[in-house]
Amino acid sequence: MRLSQVRIQQQSAIIGIKTMDAQLQIDSGPAKQEISQPKAELNITTKPGKLTIDQSKALADVGIIPTKKSIKMLANEAMQTAIEGSKKRRRQGDRLMKIEKGGNILAQVAKENGGRLRKHFTMGWIPSGDAVKFDYQPAEVNIEANTNKPIINVEPTKNQFFYQKGGIDIYLEQENSINIDVVNVNYIGNNFELEV
């Protein structure tokens, strides 16, 4: 006698999971910087030195001429000398402006200006030791310097964020199933037997 059997085959469902990672990008550009340096301020003022020579006593000792007249004569001579010197410089300047025409103009001008007039000196009346008085006031120099600080402008660049979110994809990779078989099942009827 064979017993009936029930055979059950079962297959479980399989779930598949696919993940996508999130992505973050940060773009940080360099800061903008401007630097300017103003010039320092420098101010220089000078007061020239002053030399005063008083020889009125020496002239009086020698007995030359009165001071007032002597000053007038010397002023006239000085003016004449200045006029002659000015004319001489102008002539020399005109010649130097035409230096491209050739000739040895520079040497000639140097020779004219380089010679010294010889003066004859004879021993005469010698004034007293304190006859000529000198008074000298030294020059004064005043320097003022102001430094200017550099001007610095900085403009930071904002960060830029690029974000792509991640995700999860869940899907059914394999369906579940169940299979039921019945084995050795017989149907017994009137005078016959049938195997199902």
N, C-alpha and C. Protein backbone atom coordinates (compact mmCIF):
# COMPACT_ATOMS: atom_id res chain seq x y z
N MET A 1 0.85 -1.18 0.00
CA MET A 1 0.00 0.00 0.00
C MET A 1 0.90 1.24 0.00
N ARG A 2 0.58 2.10 -0.91
CA ARG A 2 1.35 3.34 -1.01
C ARG A 2 0.54 4.48 -0.43
N LEU A 3 1.23 5.27 0.38
CA LEU A 3 0.55 6.41 1.00
C LEU A 3 0.65 7.63 0.09
N SER A 4 -0.33 8.43 0.15
CA SER A 4 -0.32 9.68 -0.63
C SER A 4 0.65 10.68 0.01
N GLN A 5 1.27 11.45 -0.86
CA GLN A 5 2.24 12.46 -0.38
C GLN A 5 1.89 13.83 -0.96
N VAL A 6 2.07 14.77 -0.10
CA VAL A 6 1.89 16.16 -0.55
C VAL A 6 3.29 16.81 -0.57
N ARG A 7 3.71 17.23 -1.74
CA ARG A 7 5.03 17.87 -1.88
C ARG A 7 4.84 19.38 -2.10
N ILE A 8 5.47 20.14 -1.24
CA ILE A 8 5.35 21.61 -1.33
C ILE A 8 6.75 22.20 -1.58
N GLN A 9 6.87 22.91 -2.67
CA GLN A 9 8.12 23.65 -2.97
C GLN A 9 7.84 25.14 -2.88
N GLN A 10 8.60 25.79 -2.05
CA GLN A 10 8.37 27.23 -1.81
C GLN A 10 9.65 28.01 -2.14
N GLN A 11 9.46 29.10 -2.82
CA GLN A 11 10.60 30.00 -3.15
C GLN A 11 10.29 31.39 -2.59
N SER A 12 11.20 31.87 -1.75
CA SER A 12 10.98 33.18 -1.10
C SER A 12 11.25 34.32 -2.10
N ALA A 13 10.61 35.43 -1.80
CA ALA A 13 10.86 36.63 -2.62
C ALA A 13 12.21 37.24 -2.25
N ILE A 14 12.92 37.80 -3.25
CA ILE A 14 14.22 38.47 -3.02
C ILE A 14 14.06 39.95 -3.39
N ILE A 15 14.38 40.77 -2.42
CA ILE A 15 14.28 42.22 -2.64
C ILE A 15 15.67 42.77 -2.95
N GLY A 16 15.79 43.54 -4.02
CA GLY A 16 17.06 44.19 -4.39
C GLY A 16 17.05 45.67 -3.97
N ILE A 17 18.18 46.11 -3.45
CA ILE A 17 18.32 47.51 -3.02
C ILE A 17 19.53 48.12 -3.73
N LYS A 18 19.31 49.22 -4.40
CA LYS A 18 20.40 49.93 -5.09
C LYS A 18 20.47 51.35 -4.46
N THR A 19 21.65 51.69 -3.99
CA THR A 19 21.82 53.01 -3.36
C THR A 19 22.72 53.90 -4.23
N MET A 20 22.37 55.17 -4.23
CA MET A 20 23.19 56.18 -4.91
C MET A 20 23.67 57.18 -3.86
N ASP A 21 24.99 57.34 -3.75
CA ASP A 21 25.56 58.24 -2.73
C ASP A 21 25.26 59.70 -3.10
N ALA A 22 25.08 60.49 -2.05
CA ALA A 22 24.92 61.94 -2.27
C ALA A 22 26.28 62.54 -2.64
N GLN A 23 26.27 63.60 -3.43
CA GLN A 23 27.51 64.26 -3.86
C GLN A 23 27.46 65.73 -3.47
N LEU A 24 28.56 66.20 -2.88
CA LEU A 24 28.68 67.61 -2.48
C LEU A 24 29.98 68.16 -3.03
N GLN A 25 29.87 69.25 -3.77
CA GLN A 25 31.05 69.95 -4.30
C GLN A 25 31.03 71.37 -3.75
N ILE A 26 32.19 71.81 -3.27
CA ILE A 26 32.35 73.17 -2.74
C ILE A 26 33.38 73.89 -3.60
N ASP A 27 32.96 74.98 -4.19
CA ASP A 27 33.85 75.79 -5.02
C ASP A 27 34.15 77.09 -4.28
N SER A 28 35.41 77.25 -3.87
CA SER A 28 35.81 78.45 -3.13
C SER A 28 36.86 79.19 -3.94
N GLY A 29 36.47 80.30 -4.55
CA GLY A 29 37.41 81.09 -5.36
C GLY A 29 38.31 81.93 -4.47
N PRO A 30 39.41 82.45 -5.04
CA PRO A 30 40.32 83.29 -4.24
C PRO A 30 39.68 84.64 -3.90
N ALA A 31 40.08 85.19 -2.78
CA ALA A 31 39.58 86.50 -2.37
C ALA A 31 40.15 87.59 -3.30
N LYS A 32 39.39 88.66 -3.50
CA LYS A 32 39.85 89.78 -4.32
C LYS A 32 40.54 90.78 -3.39
N GLN A 33 41.78 91.10 -3.73
CA GLN A 33 42.56 91.98 -2.87
C GLN A 33 43.16 93.10 -3.70
N GLU A 34 43.00 94.31 -3.22
CA GLU A 34 43.60 95.48 -3.87
C GLU A 34 44.44 96.23 -2.85
N ILE A 35 45.69 96.51 -3.22
CA ILE A 35 46.61 97.23 -2.33
C ILE A 35 47.14 98.44 -3.09
N SER A 36 46.99 99.60 -2.50
CA SER A 36 47.56 100.81 -3.09
C SER A 36 48.39 101.50 -2.02
N GLN A 37 49.54 101.99 -2.45
CA GLN A 37 50.47 102.64 -1.53
C GLN A 37 50.66 104.09 -1.94
N PRO A 38 49.98 105.02 -1.25
CA PRO A 38 50.20 106.44 -1.57
C PRO A 38 51.65 106.84 -1.27
N LYS A 39 52.14 107.78 -2.05
CA LYS A 39 53.51 108.24 -1.86
C LYS A 39 53.64 109.00 -0.54
N ALA A 40 54.82 108.89 0.01
CA ALA A 40 55.11 109.66 1.23
C ALA A 40 55.21 111.15 0.87
N GLU A 41 54.84 111.97 1.82
CA GLU A 41 54.90 113.41 1.63
C GLU A 41 56.16 113.94 2.31
N LEU A 42 57.03 114.52 1.49
CA LEU A 42 58.30 115.04 1.99
C LEU A 42 58.37 116.53 1.71
N ASN A 43 58.60 117.31 2.75
CA ASN A 43 58.67 118.75 2.63
C ASN A 43 60.00 119.23 3.24
N ILE A 44 60.82 119.86 2.39
CA ILE A 44 62.12 120.33 2.84
C ILE A 44 62.15 121.85 2.65
N THR A 45 62.37 122.57 3.73
CA THR A 45 62.52 124.01 3.64
C THR A 45 63.90 124.38 4.16
N THR A 46 64.55 125.29 3.44
CA THR A 46 65.89 125.71 3.84
C THR A 46 65.93 127.22 3.99
N LYS A 47 66.67 127.64 4.98
CA LYS A 47 66.96 129.05 5.18
C LYS A 47 68.46 129.22 4.92
N PRO A 48 68.81 129.94 3.84
CA PRO A 48 70.24 129.99 3.47
C PRO A 48 71.08 130.68 4.55
N GLY A 49 72.34 130.27 4.55
CA GLY A 49 73.27 130.90 5.47
C GLY A 49 73.55 132.35 5.05
N LYS A 50 73.99 133.12 5.98
CA LYS A 50 74.24 134.55 5.71
C LYS A 50 75.61 134.93 6.28
N LEU A 51 76.45 135.48 5.38
CA LEU A 51 77.78 135.93 5.77
C LEU A 51 77.83 137.45 5.61
N THR A 52 78.14 138.13 6.68
CA THR A 52 78.24 139.60 6.66
C THR A 52 79.68 139.98 6.97
N ILE A 53 80.26 140.81 6.10
CA ILE A 53 81.63 141.29 6.29
C ILE A 53 81.57 142.81 6.43
N ASP A 54 82.06 143.28 7.52
CA ASP A 54 82.09 144.73 7.78
C ASP A 54 83.56 145.18 7.76
N GLN A 55 83.92 145.90 6.69
CA GLN A 55 85.29 146.38 6.58
C GLN A 55 85.39 147.91 6.65
N SER A 56 84.37 148.50 7.18
CA SER A 56 84.37 149.96 7.26
C SER A 56 85.54 150.48 8.12
N LYS A 57 85.87 149.77 9.17
CA LYS A 57 86.97 150.21 10.03
C LYS A 57 88.30 150.10 9.31
N ALA A 58 88.46 149.03 8.52
CA ALA A 58 89.71 148.85 7.77
C ALA A 58 89.89 149.99 6.77
N LEU A 59 88.82 150.37 6.10
CA LEU A 59 88.91 151.47 5.15
C LEU A 59 89.24 152.78 5.86
N ALA A 60 88.64 152.93 7.02
CA ALA A 60 88.93 154.16 7.78
C ALA A 60 90.38 154.17 8.24
N ASP A 61 90.90 152.97 8.61
CA ASP A 61 92.29 152.89 9.04
C ASP A 61 93.25 153.24 7.91
N VAL A 62 92.94 152.81 6.71
CA VAL A 62 93.79 153.07 5.55
C VAL A 62 93.61 154.50 5.09
N GLY A 63 92.47 155.07 5.35
CA GLY A 63 92.18 156.43 4.96
C GLY A 63 91.89 156.57 3.48
N ILE A 64 91.22 155.58 2.94
CA ILE A 64 90.96 155.62 1.50
C ILE A 64 89.88 156.63 1.21
N ILE A 65 88.68 156.28 1.28
CA ILE A 65 87.58 157.18 0.99
C ILE A 65 86.49 156.92 2.01
N PRO A 66 85.60 157.87 2.15
CA PRO A 66 84.50 157.63 3.09
C PRO A 66 83.66 156.42 2.66
N THR A 67 83.09 155.84 3.65
CA THR A 67 82.34 154.60 3.41
C THR A 67 81.19 154.81 2.44
N LYS A 68 80.46 155.87 2.60
CA LYS A 68 79.29 156.10 1.76
C LYS A 68 79.70 156.21 0.29
N LYS A 69 80.76 156.98 0.03
CA LYS A 69 81.23 157.16 -1.34
C LYS A 69 81.82 155.87 -1.88
N SER A 70 82.55 155.17 -1.00
CA SER A 70 83.16 153.91 -1.42
C SER A 70 82.09 152.90 -1.84
N ILE A 71 81.01 152.86 -1.07
CA ILE A 71 79.93 151.91 -1.41
C ILE A 71 79.32 152.26 -2.76
N LYS A 72 79.13 153.55 -3.01
CA LYS A 72 78.55 153.97 -4.27
C LYS A 72 79.47 153.61 -5.44
N MET A 73 80.78 153.84 -5.26
CA MET A 73 81.74 153.52 -6.32
C MET A 73 81.82 152.02 -6.56
N LEU A 74 81.87 151.30 -5.47
CA LEU A 74 81.93 149.84 -5.62
C LEU A 74 80.66 149.28 -6.27
N ALA A 75 79.54 149.90 -5.93
CA ALA A 75 78.28 149.44 -6.54
C ALA A 75 78.29 149.70 -8.04
N ASN A 76 78.79 150.87 -8.44
CA ASN A 76 78.87 151.16 -9.87
C ASN A 76 79.83 150.21 -10.57
N GLU A 77 80.99 149.96 -9.94
CA GLU A 77 81.95 149.03 -10.55
C GLU A 77 81.37 147.61 -10.63
N ALA A 78 80.69 147.24 -9.58
CA ALA A 78 80.09 145.91 -9.58
C ALA A 78 79.02 145.79 -10.66
N MET A 79 78.22 146.84 -10.83
CA MET A 79 77.20 146.82 -11.87
C MET A 79 77.84 146.71 -13.25
N GLN A 80 78.93 147.49 -13.46
CA GLN A 80 79.62 147.44 -14.74
C GLN A 80 80.22 146.05 -14.97
N THR A 81 80.82 145.50 -13.92
CA THR A 81 81.38 144.15 -14.03
C THR A 81 80.29 143.13 -14.33
N ALA A 82 79.14 143.28 -13.70
CA ALA A 82 78.02 142.36 -13.94
C ALA A 82 77.53 142.47 -15.37
N ILE A 83 77.45 143.72 -15.90
CA ILE A 83 76.99 143.92 -17.28
C ILE A 83 77.98 143.29 -18.25
N GLU A 84 79.29 143.54 -18.00
CA GLU A 84 80.30 142.96 -18.88
C GLU A 84 80.28 141.43 -18.80
N GLY A 85 80.13 140.94 -17.58
CA GLY A 85 80.06 139.48 -17.41
C GLY A 85 78.84 138.89 -18.10
N SER A 86 77.72 139.60 -18.02
CA SER A 86 76.50 139.12 -18.68
C SER A 86 76.67 139.09 -20.19
N LYS A 87 77.32 140.17 -20.74
CA LYS A 87 77.56 140.19 -22.18
C LYS A 87 78.49 139.07 -22.60
N LYS A 88 79.51 138.84 -21.78
CA LYS A 88 80.47 137.78 -22.08
C LYS A 88 79.78 136.41 -22.07
N ARG A 89 78.94 136.17 -21.08
CA ARG A 89 78.23 134.88 -21.00
C ARG A 89 77.27 134.71 -22.17
N ARG A 90 76.66 135.80 -22.58
CA ARG A 90 75.73 135.71 -23.71
C ARG A 90 76.49 135.37 -24.98
N ARG A 91 77.65 136.06 -25.20
CA ARG A 91 78.44 135.75 -26.39
C ARG A 91 78.89 134.29 -26.37
N GLN A 92 79.35 133.86 -25.20
CA GLN A 92 79.81 132.46 -25.09
C GLN A 92 78.65 131.49 -25.29
N GLY A 93 77.49 131.85 -24.79
CA GLY A 93 76.31 130.98 -24.98
C GLY A 93 75.91 130.89 -26.43
N ASP A 94 75.95 132.03 -27.14
CA ASP A 94 75.63 131.99 -28.58
C ASP A 94 76.60 131.10 -29.33
N ARG A 95 77.88 131.18 -28.96
CA ARG A 95 78.86 130.32 -29.62
C ARG A 95 78.64 128.85 -29.29
N LEU A 96 78.29 128.56 -28.03
CA LEU A 96 78.06 127.17 -27.63
C LEU A 96 76.81 126.59 -28.29
N MET A 97 75.83 127.46 -28.59
CA MET A 97 74.62 126.95 -29.27
C MET A 97 74.92 126.49 -30.68
N LYS A 98 76.03 126.97 -31.24
CA LYS A 98 76.40 126.60 -32.61
C LYS A 98 77.57 125.62 -32.59
N ILE A 99 77.63 124.80 -31.56
CA ILE A 99 78.75 123.87 -31.42
C ILE A 99 78.77 122.81 -32.52
N GLU A 100 77.60 122.57 -33.10
CA GLU A 100 77.53 121.54 -34.15
C GLU A 100 78.24 121.95 -35.44
N LYS A 101 78.59 123.23 -35.57
CA LYS A 101 79.27 123.70 -36.78
C LYS A 101 80.76 123.40 -36.75
N GLY A 102 81.25 122.83 -35.67
CA GLY A 102 82.66 122.45 -35.60
C GLY A 102 83.47 123.48 -34.86
N GLY A 103 84.76 123.22 -34.85
CA GLY A 103 85.63 124.12 -34.12
C GLY A 103 85.81 123.63 -32.70
N ASN A 104 86.70 124.25 -32.01
CA ASN A 104 87.02 123.83 -30.65
C ASN A 104 86.46 124.87 -29.68
N ILE A 105 85.14 125.05 -29.73
CA ILE A 105 84.49 126.12 -28.98
C ILE A 105 84.60 125.89 -27.47
N LEU A 106 84.41 124.65 -27.03
CA LEU A 106 84.47 124.36 -25.59
C LEU A 106 85.83 124.71 -25.01
N ALA A 107 86.89 124.37 -25.73
CA ALA A 107 88.23 124.67 -25.22
C ALA A 107 88.47 126.18 -25.19
N GLN A 108 87.96 126.87 -26.21
CA GLN A 108 88.14 128.33 -26.24
C GLN A 108 87.41 129.00 -25.07
N VAL A 109 86.16 128.57 -24.82
CA VAL A 109 85.39 129.15 -23.72
C VAL A 109 86.04 128.84 -22.38
N ALA A 110 86.55 127.61 -22.24
CA ALA A 110 87.22 127.24 -20.99
C ALA A 110 88.47 128.08 -20.77
N LYS A 111 89.19 128.33 -21.85
CA LYS A 111 90.41 129.14 -21.73
C LYS A 111 90.07 130.57 -21.34
N GLU A 112 88.98 131.11 -21.93
CA GLU A 112 88.57 132.47 -21.59
C GLU A 112 88.17 132.58 -20.12
N ASN A 113 87.49 131.55 -19.63
CA ASN A 113 87.00 131.61 -18.25
C ASN A 113 88.02 131.13 -17.22
N GLY A 114 89.05 130.45 -17.67
CA GLY A 114 89.98 129.83 -16.73
C GLY A 114 91.12 130.73 -16.30
N GLY A 115 91.47 131.72 -17.07
CA GLY A 115 92.61 132.56 -16.72
C GLY A 115 92.31 133.49 -15.56
N ARG A 116 93.27 133.72 -14.73
CA ARG A 116 93.12 134.65 -13.62
C ARG A 116 93.94 135.90 -13.90
N LEU A 117 93.36 137.01 -13.56
CA LEU A 117 94.08 138.27 -13.71
C LEU A 117 95.13 138.38 -12.60
N ARG A 118 96.31 138.79 -13.00
CA ARG A 118 97.37 138.97 -12.01
C ARG A 118 97.23 140.34 -11.34
N LYS A 119 97.35 140.30 -10.09
CA LYS A 119 97.24 141.55 -9.33
C LYS A 119 98.59 141.84 -8.67
N HIS A 120 98.94 143.07 -8.70
CA HIS A 120 100.18 143.49 -8.07
C HIS A 120 99.88 143.94 -6.66
N PHE A 121 100.72 143.53 -5.77
CA PHE A 121 100.52 143.89 -4.37
C PHE A 121 101.79 144.54 -3.85
N THR A 122 101.56 145.60 -3.25
CA THR A 122 102.69 146.27 -2.60
C THR A 122 102.34 146.49 -1.14
N MET A 123 103.33 146.38 -0.35
CA MET A 123 103.11 146.57 1.08
C MET A 123 102.75 148.02 1.34
N GLY A 124 101.69 148.23 1.98
CA GLY A 124 101.24 149.58 2.30
C GLY A 124 100.84 149.63 3.75
N TRP A 125 99.87 150.41 4.01
CA TRP A 125 99.37 150.53 5.37
C TRP A 125 98.61 149.27 5.73
N ILE A 126 98.92 148.61 6.81
CA ILE A 126 98.25 147.40 7.27
C ILE A 126 97.25 147.81 8.33
N PRO A 127 95.96 147.48 8.05
CA PRO A 127 94.96 147.86 9.05
C PRO A 127 95.11 147.03 10.32
N SER A 128 94.47 147.48 11.36
CA SER A 128 94.54 146.76 12.64
C SER A 128 93.88 145.38 12.52
N GLY A 129 94.17 144.49 13.44
CA GLY A 129 93.70 143.11 13.38
C GLY A 129 92.19 142.96 13.43
N ASP A 130 91.51 143.84 14.11
CA ASP A 130 90.05 143.72 14.22
C ASP A 130 89.34 144.69 13.29
N ALA A 131 90.04 145.11 12.23
CA ALA A 131 89.45 146.10 11.32
C ALA A 131 88.32 145.50 10.49
N VAL A 132 88.43 144.23 10.15
CA VAL A 132 87.38 143.57 9.34
C VAL A 132 86.61 142.65 10.26
N LYS A 133 85.31 142.80 10.28
CA LYS A 133 84.45 141.98 11.14
C LYS A 133 83.60 141.05 10.28
N PHE A 134 83.54 139.81 10.72
CA PHE A 134 82.75 138.79 10.02
C PHE A 134 81.60 138.35 10.92
N ASP A 135 80.46 138.19 10.31
CA ASP A 135 79.30 137.65 11.03
C ASP A 135 78.65 136.59 10.13
N TYR A 136 78.59 135.38 10.64
CA TYR A 136 78.03 134.28 9.84
C TYR A 136 76.87 133.62 10.57
N GLN A 137 75.76 133.53 9.89
CA GLN A 137 74.59 132.82 10.42
C GLN A 137 74.41 131.55 9.57
N PRO A 138 74.56 130.39 10.19
CA PRO A 138 74.50 129.15 9.41
C PRO A 138 73.10 128.91 8.83
N ALA A 139 73.10 128.12 7.76
CA ALA A 139 71.83 127.77 7.11
C ALA A 139 71.02 126.83 8.00
N GLU A 140 69.72 126.88 7.83
CA GLU A 140 68.82 125.99 8.57
C GLU A 140 68.04 125.14 7.57
N VAL A 141 68.00 123.86 7.85
CA VAL A 141 67.25 122.93 6.99
C VAL A 141 66.19 122.26 7.85
N ASN A 142 64.95 122.33 7.38
CA ASN A 142 63.83 121.71 8.10
C ASN A 142 63.22 120.65 7.19
N ILE A 143 63.21 119.42 7.66
CA ILE A 143 62.68 118.30 6.86
C ILE A 143 61.47 117.72 7.57
N GLU A 144 60.36 117.66 6.86
CA GLU A 144 59.14 117.04 7.39
C GLU A 144 58.74 115.91 6.44
N ALA A 145 58.62 114.74 7.02
CA ALA A 145 58.24 113.56 6.21
C ALA A 145 57.01 112.93 6.84
N ASN A 146 55.98 112.74 6.03
CA ASN A 146 54.75 112.08 6.47
C ASN A 146 54.56 110.83 5.64
N THR A 147 54.59 109.69 6.31
CA THR A 147 54.36 108.44 5.59
C THR A 147 52.86 108.18 5.51
N ASN A 148 52.45 107.64 4.40
CA ASN A 148 51.04 107.26 4.22
C ASN A 148 50.92 105.75 4.29
N LYS A 149 50.00 105.30 5.10
CA LYS A 149 49.80 103.85 5.25
C LYS A 149 49.22 103.27 3.97
N PRO A 150 49.56 102.01 3.67
CA PRO A 150 48.96 101.39 2.49
C PRO A 150 47.45 101.19 2.68
N ILE A 151 46.74 101.29 1.57
CA ILE A 151 45.29 101.09 1.58
C ILE A 151 45.02 99.69 1.05
N ILE A 152 44.44 98.84 1.91
CA ILE A 152 44.21 97.44 1.54
C ILE A 152 42.71 97.18 1.55
N ASN A 153 42.18 96.76 0.42
CA ASN A 153 40.76 96.39 0.30
C ASN A 153 40.69 94.90 -0.02
N VAL A 154 39.99 94.17 0.83
CA VAL A 154 39.84 92.73 0.63
C VAL A 154 38.36 92.41 0.49
N GLU A 155 38.02 91.72 -0.58
CA GLU A 155 36.63 91.30 -0.79
C GLU A 155 36.61 89.78 -0.87
N PRO A 156 36.10 89.12 0.19
CA PRO A 156 36.11 87.65 0.15
C PRO A 156 35.13 87.12 -0.89
N THR A 157 35.48 85.98 -1.46
CA THR A 157 34.62 85.33 -2.44
C THR A 157 33.76 84.30 -1.71
N LYS A 158 32.46 84.35 -1.94
CA LYS A 158 31.56 83.41 -1.26
C LYS A 158 31.76 82.00 -1.82
N ASN A 159 31.60 81.01 -0.92
CA ASN A 159 31.68 79.62 -1.33
C ASN A 159 30.43 79.23 -2.12
N GLN A 160 30.61 78.42 -3.14
CA GLN A 160 29.49 77.92 -3.93
C GLN A 160 29.37 76.41 -3.67
N PHE A 161 28.16 76.02 -3.30
CA PHE A 161 27.90 74.62 -2.98
C PHE A 161 27.05 73.99 -4.09
N PHE A 162 27.48 72.85 -4.55
CA PHE A 162 26.71 72.07 -5.53
C PHE A 162 26.41 70.72 -4.88
N TYR A 163 25.09 70.47 -4.63
CA TYR A 163 24.70 69.27 -3.91
C TYR A 163 23.75 68.44 -4.77
N GLN A 164 24.08 67.17 -4.89
CA GLN A 164 23.19 66.24 -5.58
C GLN A 164 22.82 65.15 -4.58
N LYS A 165 21.54 65.12 -4.27
CA LYS A 165 21.13 64.21 -3.21
C LYS A 165 21.21 62.76 -3.69
N GLY A 166 21.43 61.88 -2.72
CA GLY A 166 21.49 60.45 -3.01
C GLY A 166 20.09 59.84 -3.01
N GLY A 167 20.05 58.56 -3.24
CA GLY A 167 18.74 57.91 -3.27
C GLY A 167 18.87 56.41 -3.05
N ILE A 168 17.73 55.81 -2.77
CA ILE A 168 17.66 54.35 -2.60
C ILE A 168 16.58 53.82 -3.53
N ASP A 169 16.95 52.83 -4.33
CA ASP A 169 16.00 52.21 -5.26
C ASP A 169 15.76 50.77 -4.79
N ILE A 170 14.53 50.50 -4.36
CA ILE A 170 14.17 49.16 -3.88
C ILE A 170 13.29 48.49 -4.94
N TYR A 171 13.68 47.29 -5.32
CA TYR A 171 12.93 46.59 -6.37
C TYR A 171 12.86 45.10 -6.01
N LEU A 172 11.93 44.43 -6.66
CA LEU A 172 11.74 42.99 -6.43
C LEU A 172 12.60 42.24 -7.43
N GLU A 173 13.63 41.64 -6.90
CA GLU A 173 14.57 40.93 -7.78
C GLU A 173 14.03 39.54 -8.15
N GLN A 174 13.33 38.88 -7.23
CA GLN A 174 12.78 37.55 -7.52
C GLN A 174 11.44 37.42 -6.79
N GLU A 175 10.41 36.99 -7.53
CA GLU A 175 9.08 36.84 -6.92
C GLU A 175 9.03 35.57 -6.07
N ASN A 176 8.17 35.61 -5.10
CA ASN A 176 7.98 34.41 -4.28
C ASN A 176 7.01 33.45 -5.02
N SER A 177 7.19 32.22 -4.75
CA SER A 177 6.29 31.23 -5.41
C SER A 177 6.13 30.01 -4.48
N ILE A 178 5.04 29.28 -4.70
CA ILE A 178 4.79 28.04 -3.95
C ILE A 178 4.19 27.01 -4.93
N ASN A 179 4.75 25.82 -4.87
CA ASN A 179 4.30 24.75 -5.78
C ASN A 179 3.91 23.55 -4.91
N ILE A 180 2.65 23.10 -5.05
CA ILE A 180 2.13 21.97 -4.23
C ILE A 180 1.80 20.82 -5.17
N ASP A 181 2.45 19.67 -4.93
CA ASP A 181 2.17 18.44 -5.70
C ASP A 181 1.68 17.36 -4.74
N VAL A 182 0.69 16.61 -5.22
CA VAL A 182 0.18 15.48 -4.44
C VAL A 182 0.55 14.22 -5.22
N VAL A 183 1.24 13.32 -4.57
CA VAL A 183 1.75 12.11 -5.23
C VAL A 183 1.05 10.90 -4.56
N ASN A 184 0.84 9.84 -5.38
CA ASN A 184 0.23 8.58 -4.93
C ASN A 184 -1.20 8.79 -4.44
N VAL A 185 -1.96 9.41 -5.23
CA VAL A 185 -3.37 9.57 -4.91
C VAL A 185 -4.14 8.64 -5.85
N ASN A 186 -4.89 7.76 -5.29
CA ASN A 186 -5.66 6.80 -6.10
C ASN A 186 -7.16 7.01 -5.87
N TYR A 187 -7.88 6.88 -6.96
CA TYR A 187 -9.34 6.97 -6.88
C TYR A 187 -9.88 5.55 -7.09
N ILE A 188 -10.61 5.10 -6.11
CA ILE A 188 -11.13 3.75 -6.18
C ILE A 188 -12.62 3.84 -6.48
N GLY A 189 -13.00 3.27 -7.61
CA GLY A 189 -14.41 3.27 -8.01
C GLY A 189 -14.94 1.83 -8.01
N ASN A 190 -16.05 1.61 -8.70
CA ASN A 190 -16.64 0.29 -8.80
C ASN A 190 -15.80 -0.55 -9.70
N ASN A 191 -15.24 -1.51 -9.17
CA ASN A 191 -14.42 -2.46 -9.85
C ASN A 191 -13.24 -1.83 -10.61
N PHE A 192 -12.81 -0.71 -10.23
CA PHE A 192 -11.59 -0.18 -10.88
C PHE A 192 -10.87 0.77 -9.89
N GLU A 193 -9.62 1.00 -10.22
CA GLU A 193 -8.80 1.90 -9.40
C GLU A 193 -8.05 2.81 -10.36
N LEU A 194 -8.08 4.07 -10.06
CA LEU A 194 -7.47 5.06 -10.97
C LEU A 194 -6.44 5.90 -10.17
N GLU A 195 -5.27 5.96 -10.76
CA GLU A 195 -4.22 6.75 -10.10
C GLU A 195 -4.32 8.19 -10.61
N VAL A 196 -4.40 9.07 -9.71
CA VAL A 196 -4.53 10.48 -10.06
C VAL A 196 -3.15 11.09 -10.10
